[in-house]
N, C-alpha and C. Protein backbone atom coordinates (compact mmCIF):
# COMPACT_ATOMS: atom_id res chain seq x y z
N MET A 1 41.76 125.78 108.43
CA MET A 1 42.62 124.80 107.82
C MET A 1 43.31 123.99 108.92
N LYS A 2 43.20 122.69 108.85
CA LYS A 2 43.80 121.81 109.84
C LYS A 2 45.24 121.50 109.47
N LYS A 3 46.09 121.41 110.51
CA LYS A 3 47.48 121.00 110.29
C LYS A 3 47.53 119.48 110.34
N PRO A 4 48.35 118.91 109.53
CA PRO A 4 48.49 117.45 109.59
C PRO A 4 49.08 117.02 110.94
N LEU A 5 48.63 115.88 111.39
CA LEU A 5 49.09 115.35 112.67
C LEU A 5 50.61 115.17 112.69
N GLY A 6 51.19 114.82 111.59
CA GLY A 6 52.65 114.61 111.50
C GLY A 6 53.40 115.89 111.80
N SER A 7 52.90 117.03 111.35
CA SER A 7 53.57 118.31 111.60
C SER A 7 53.56 118.65 113.08
N CYS A 8 52.44 118.38 113.72
CA CYS A 8 52.33 118.66 115.17
C CYS A 8 53.29 117.78 115.95
N VAL A 9 53.36 116.52 115.59
CA VAL A 9 54.25 115.58 116.27
C VAL A 9 55.70 116.00 116.04
N LEU A 10 56.02 116.41 114.84
CA LEU A 10 57.38 116.85 114.51
C LEU A 10 57.74 118.10 115.31
N ALA A 11 56.84 119.05 115.37
CA ALA A 11 57.10 120.28 116.11
C ALA A 11 57.27 120.00 117.60
N LEU A 12 56.42 119.14 118.15
CA LEU A 12 56.51 118.78 119.56
C LEU A 12 57.82 118.06 119.85
N SER A 13 58.20 117.17 118.97
CA SER A 13 59.46 116.43 119.14
C SER A 13 60.65 117.37 119.11
N ALA A 14 60.63 118.34 118.21
CA ALA A 14 61.72 119.31 118.12
C ALA A 14 61.81 120.14 119.40
N LEU A 15 60.68 120.55 119.94
CA LEU A 15 60.68 121.32 121.19
C LEU A 15 61.24 120.50 122.34
N LEU A 16 60.85 119.24 122.42
CA LEU A 16 61.36 118.38 123.49
C LEU A 16 62.86 118.15 123.38
N LEU A 17 63.35 117.96 122.17
CA LEU A 17 64.78 117.75 121.96
C LEU A 17 65.56 119.02 122.31
N LEU A 18 65.06 120.17 121.90
CA LEU A 18 65.75 121.42 122.18
C LEU A 18 65.73 121.78 123.65
N SER A 19 64.68 121.37 124.34
CA SER A 19 64.61 121.71 125.76
C SER A 19 65.70 121.00 126.55
N GLY A 20 66.20 119.90 126.04
CA GLY A 20 67.30 119.20 126.70
C GLY A 20 68.62 119.95 126.58
N CYS A 21 68.72 120.88 125.65
CA CYS A 21 69.94 121.65 125.44
C CYS A 21 70.01 122.86 126.36
N ILE A 22 68.92 123.20 126.96
CA ILE A 22 68.88 124.38 127.82
C ILE A 22 69.21 123.96 129.23
N GLY A 23 70.23 124.58 129.82
CA GLY A 23 70.61 124.26 131.20
C GLY A 23 69.71 125.01 132.16
N ILE A 24 68.96 124.29 132.93
CA ILE A 24 68.06 124.92 133.90
C ILE A 24 68.58 124.63 135.30
N GLY A 25 68.89 125.70 136.03
CA GLY A 25 69.31 125.56 137.41
C GLY A 25 70.64 124.88 137.59
N GLY A 26 71.39 124.75 136.55
CA GLY A 26 72.68 124.07 136.64
C GLY A 26 73.74 124.95 137.24
N GLY A 27 74.77 125.15 136.52
CA GLY A 27 75.88 125.95 137.01
C GLY A 27 76.94 125.05 137.63
N ASP A 28 78.02 125.69 138.02
CA ASP A 28 79.11 124.94 138.64
C ASP A 28 78.73 124.55 140.06
N LYS A 29 79.03 123.35 140.39
CA LYS A 29 78.78 122.86 141.74
C LYS A 29 80.13 122.73 142.43
N HIS A 30 80.24 123.31 143.61
CA HIS A 30 81.47 123.25 144.37
C HIS A 30 81.22 122.42 145.61
N ILE A 31 82.01 121.39 145.75
CA ILE A 31 81.89 120.53 146.91
C ILE A 31 83.07 120.84 147.83
N VAL A 32 82.75 121.18 149.05
CA VAL A 32 83.78 121.48 150.03
C VAL A 32 84.00 120.25 150.88
N GLN A 33 85.22 119.75 150.86
CA GLN A 33 85.54 118.59 151.67
C GLN A 33 86.54 119.02 152.73
N ASN A 34 86.20 118.78 153.97
CA ASN A 34 87.11 119.08 155.06
C ASN A 34 88.18 118.00 155.13
N PRO A 35 89.42 118.40 155.42
CA PRO A 35 90.48 117.38 155.52
C PRO A 35 90.23 116.45 156.70
N THR A 36 90.65 115.23 156.54
CA THR A 36 90.52 114.25 157.62
C THR A 36 91.50 114.58 158.74
N VAL A 37 91.30 113.99 159.88
CA VAL A 37 92.22 114.20 161.00
C VAL A 37 93.62 113.73 160.61
N GLY A 38 93.67 112.61 159.90
CA GLY A 38 94.96 112.10 159.45
C GLY A 38 95.70 113.10 158.57
N GLN A 39 94.97 113.70 157.62
CA GLN A 39 95.59 114.68 156.74
C GLN A 39 96.03 115.91 157.52
N GLN A 40 95.23 116.33 158.49
CA GLN A 40 95.59 117.48 159.31
C GLN A 40 96.86 117.19 160.11
N LEU A 41 96.99 115.96 160.61
CA LEU A 41 98.19 115.58 161.35
C LEU A 41 99.42 115.58 160.46
N VAL A 42 99.26 115.09 159.22
CA VAL A 42 100.37 115.10 158.26
C VAL A 42 100.80 116.53 157.97
N ASP A 43 99.81 117.41 157.74
CA ASP A 43 100.11 118.82 157.46
C ASP A 43 100.79 119.49 158.66
N LEU A 44 100.33 119.14 159.83
CA LEU A 44 100.89 119.70 161.06
C LEU A 44 102.35 119.27 161.21
N LYS A 45 102.62 118.00 160.92
CA LYS A 45 104.00 117.50 161.01
C LYS A 45 104.90 118.20 159.99
N LYS A 46 104.38 118.42 158.79
CA LYS A 46 105.16 119.14 157.78
C LYS A 46 105.49 120.55 158.25
N ALA A 47 104.52 121.19 158.88
CA ALA A 47 104.75 122.54 159.39
C ALA A 47 105.84 122.53 160.45
N ARG A 48 105.84 121.52 161.30
CA ARG A 48 106.89 121.41 162.32
C ARG A 48 108.24 121.13 161.69
N ASP A 49 108.26 120.19 160.73
CA ASP A 49 109.52 119.79 160.09
C ASP A 49 110.15 120.92 159.28
N THR A 50 109.34 121.80 158.75
CA THR A 50 109.88 122.91 157.96
C THR A 50 110.18 124.14 158.81
N GLY A 51 109.85 124.07 160.08
CA GLY A 51 110.14 125.18 160.98
C GLY A 51 109.06 126.24 161.01
N ALA A 52 107.92 125.96 160.42
CA ALA A 52 106.82 126.93 160.42
C ALA A 52 106.21 127.07 161.81
N ILE A 53 106.26 125.97 162.58
CA ILE A 53 105.78 126.01 163.97
C ILE A 53 106.83 125.33 164.86
N THR A 54 106.78 125.64 166.12
CA THR A 54 107.73 125.04 167.07
C THR A 54 107.23 123.67 167.52
N GLU A 55 108.11 122.94 168.21
CA GLU A 55 107.74 121.64 168.75
C GLU A 55 106.58 121.78 169.74
N ASN A 56 106.62 122.82 170.58
CA ASN A 56 105.54 123.03 171.55
C ASN A 56 104.21 123.31 170.86
N GLU A 57 104.24 124.13 169.80
CA GLU A 57 103.02 124.42 169.04
C GLU A 57 102.49 123.15 168.36
N TYR A 58 103.43 122.36 167.84
CA TYR A 58 103.05 121.09 167.20
C TYR A 58 102.34 120.18 168.19
N GLN A 59 102.92 120.00 169.37
CA GLN A 59 102.33 119.12 170.38
C GLN A 59 100.96 119.63 170.82
N ALA A 60 100.83 120.94 171.00
CA ALA A 60 99.55 121.52 171.43
C ALA A 60 98.48 121.32 170.37
N GLN A 61 98.81 121.57 169.12
CA GLN A 61 97.83 121.42 168.03
C GLN A 61 97.48 119.96 167.80
N LYS A 62 98.47 119.08 167.92
CA LYS A 62 98.24 117.64 167.75
C LYS A 62 97.26 117.15 168.82
N THR A 63 97.49 117.55 170.07
CA THR A 63 96.61 117.15 171.16
C THR A 63 95.19 117.69 170.92
N LYS A 64 95.12 118.92 170.48
CA LYS A 64 93.81 119.55 170.21
C LYS A 64 93.05 118.77 169.10
N LEU A 65 93.76 118.42 168.04
CA LEU A 65 93.12 117.66 166.94
C LEU A 65 92.64 116.30 167.41
N LEU A 66 93.47 115.61 168.15
CA LEU A 66 93.11 114.27 168.60
C LEU A 66 91.95 114.31 169.60
N GLU A 67 91.91 115.31 170.45
CA GLU A 67 90.81 115.43 171.39
C GLU A 67 89.50 115.74 170.67
N ALA A 68 89.57 116.59 169.66
CA ALA A 68 88.37 116.99 168.91
C ALA A 68 87.81 115.83 168.09
N SER A 69 88.66 114.86 167.74
CA SER A 69 88.20 113.76 166.90
C SER A 69 87.55 112.63 167.68
N LYS A 70 87.57 112.71 168.99
CA LYS A 70 86.97 111.64 169.81
C LYS A 70 85.48 111.71 169.82
């Protein structure tokens, strides 16, 4: 007994539509962005201003950041 062509097309269409609902290889993507030198300098200044680091530590780290960015 042969199946009508319309049934085959309908079944194939349903499979194609449902396959779009299945997540293949997806998942959460995490993008890691390193802070810019400018942002690091701002953070460093905040650390100095709040007393988390000394003026000498601030100057040493600032020089290190600026040298590394060249």
